[in-house]
Amino acid sequence: MAHPKEFENVTAQTKANVYFEGKVVSHTLVFANGEKKTLGLIYPGSYHFGTDKAERMEIVAGDCEVTMDGQTGRQSYGAGTAFEVPSKSGFEIVVAAGICEYICSFLD
């Protein structure tokens, strides 16, 4: 699966979304139709995120392992792969080395 190389005709919010003392950072893009996505970086570590809305996480570069809330097995994802997280749920994401780059799309 190929991820977009660029987005056109968007508004980029300049204030960063900073989590876990700067180990996870993203910026929000707002499209003309009101759709929002975030572009972000995850530095090595283990992080848990809760979701209000359903999300699709596309991995642009790097590698990570993900465990969905309520599950025990980890799934590996690398560049060109994606996973979806249900609304009102959550996931743990682990980056062992390097930087994992992602695009997060909000689905509902």
Protein backbone atom coordinates (compact mmCIF):
# COMPACT_ATOMS: atom_id res chain seq x y z
CA MET A 1 0.00 0.00 0.00
CA ALA A 2 1.44 3.35 -1.01
CA HIS A 3 0.97 6.29 1.31
CA PRO A 4 0.51 9.82 -0.04
CA LYS A 5 3.77 11.66 -0.72
CA GLU A 6 2.12 15.05 -0.16
CA PHE A 7 -1.22 16.68 0.60
CA GLU A 8 -2.41 19.69 -1.40
CA ASN A 9 -4.82 22.48 -0.44
CA VAL A 10 -4.65 21.94 3.31
CA THR A 11 -4.28 24.19 6.32
CA ALA A 12 -1.43 23.14 8.61
CA GLN A 13 -1.84 24.02 12.27
CA THR A 14 1.47 25.38 13.52
CA LYS A 15 1.04 24.35 17.16
CA ALA A 16 2.41 20.84 17.58
CA ASN A 17 0.64 18.04 19.44
CA VAL A 18 3.35 16.94 21.89
CA TYR A 19 3.01 13.75 23.93
CA PHE A 20 5.21 11.79 26.31
CA GLU A 21 7.71 14.61 26.97
CA GLY A 22 8.31 15.16 23.26
CA LYS A 23 8.82 11.51 22.31
CA VAL A 24 5.69 11.64 20.11
CA VAL A 25 5.01 14.81 18.10
CA SER A 26 2.46 15.52 15.38
CA HIS A 27 0.94 18.40 13.43
CA THR A 28 -2.70 18.63 12.38
CA LEU A 29 -3.73 19.14 8.76
CA VAL A 30 -7.23 20.40 7.96
CA PHE A 31 -8.61 19.72 4.49
CA ALA A 32 -11.07 21.95 2.59
CA ASN A 33 -13.91 19.52 3.39
CA GLY A 34 -13.15 19.71 7.14
CA GLU A 35 -11.38 16.34 7.30
CA LYS A 36 -8.43 16.24 9.72
CA LYS A 37 -5.28 14.16 9.67
CA THR A 38 -2.13 14.32 11.72
CA LEU A 39 1.45 13.78 10.53
CA GLY A 40 3.78 12.64 13.24
CA LEU A 41 6.98 11.15 14.56
CA ILE A 42 7.39 8.54 17.28
CA TYR A 43 10.80 8.18 18.94
CA PRO A 44 11.93 4.93 20.57
CA GLY A 45 9.81 3.85 23.53
CA SER A 46 6.47 2.37 24.49
CA TYR A 47 3.35 4.57 24.50
CA HIS A 48 -0.37 4.05 25.08
CA PHE A 49 -2.99 6.12 23.24
CA GLY A 50 -6.72 6.20 23.78
CA THR A 51 -9.05 6.93 20.88
CA ASP A 52 -12.23 8.95 20.88
CA LYS A 53 -12.82 8.54 17.15
CA ALA A 54 -11.80 5.55 15.04
CA GLU A 55 -8.35 6.03 13.48
CA ARG A 56 -6.29 4.67 10.64
CA MET A 57 -2.54 4.81 11.24
CA GLU A 58 -0.41 4.61 8.09
CA ILE A 59 3.28 4.00 8.69
CA VAL A 60 5.34 6.23 6.38
CA ALA A 61 8.83 5.26 7.58
CA GLY A 62 10.36 3.15 10.32
CA ASP A 63 8.90 0.23 12.24
CA CYS A 64 6.63 -0.29 15.22
CA GLU A 65 4.75 -2.97 17.10
CA VAL A 66 1.14 -2.45 18.17
CA THR A 67 -1.09 -4.12 20.76
CA MET A 68 -4.77 -3.19 20.62
CA ASP A 69 -6.59 -2.73 23.93
CA GLY A 70 -8.09 -6.03 25.05
CA GLN A 71 -5.60 -8.11 23.05
CA THR A 72 -2.33 -9.71 24.08
CA GLY A 73 -0.46 -10.25 20.81
CA ARG A 74 1.68 -7.58 19.19
CA GLN A 75 1.50 -6.94 15.46
CA SER A 76 4.48 -5.51 13.57
CA TYR A 77 4.07 -2.66 11.07
CA GLY A 78 6.61 -1.06 8.77
CA ALA A 79 6.67 1.53 6.03
CA GLY A 80 3.76 1.10 3.64
CA THR A 81 1.51 -0.71 6.13
CA ALA A 82 -1.43 0.52 8.20
CA PHE A 83 -3.68 -0.45 11.07
CA GLU A 84 -7.07 0.73 12.28
CA VAL A 85 -8.17 1.41 15.83
CA PRO A 86 -11.86 1.40 16.82
CA SER A 87 -13.45 4.45 18.44
CA LYS A 88 -13.53 4.58 22.25
CA SER A 89 -10.60 2.16 22.37
CA GLY A 90 -6.84 2.38 22.48
CA PHE A 91 -3.52 0.84 21.63
CA GLU A 92 0.05 0.51 22.81
CA ILE A 93 2.70 1.34 20.24
CA VAL A 94 6.35 0.35 20.66
CA VAL A 95 9.22 1.73 18.60
CA ALA A 96 12.39 -0.24 19.31
CA ALA A 97 14.87 1.89 17.35
CA GLY A 98 14.95 4.80 14.95
CA ILE A 99 11.95 7.02 14.30
CA CYS A 100 8.54 5.83 13.17
CA GLU A 101 6.74 8.35 10.93
CA TYR A 102 2.98 8.15 10.49
CA ILE A 103 -0.17 9.66 9.03
CA CYS A 104 -3.24 9.38 11.27
CA SER A 105 -6.66 9.67 9.64
CA PHE A 106 -9.78 10.09 11.79
CA LEU A 107 -12.48 7.80 10.43
CA ASP A 108 -15.70 8.92 12.08
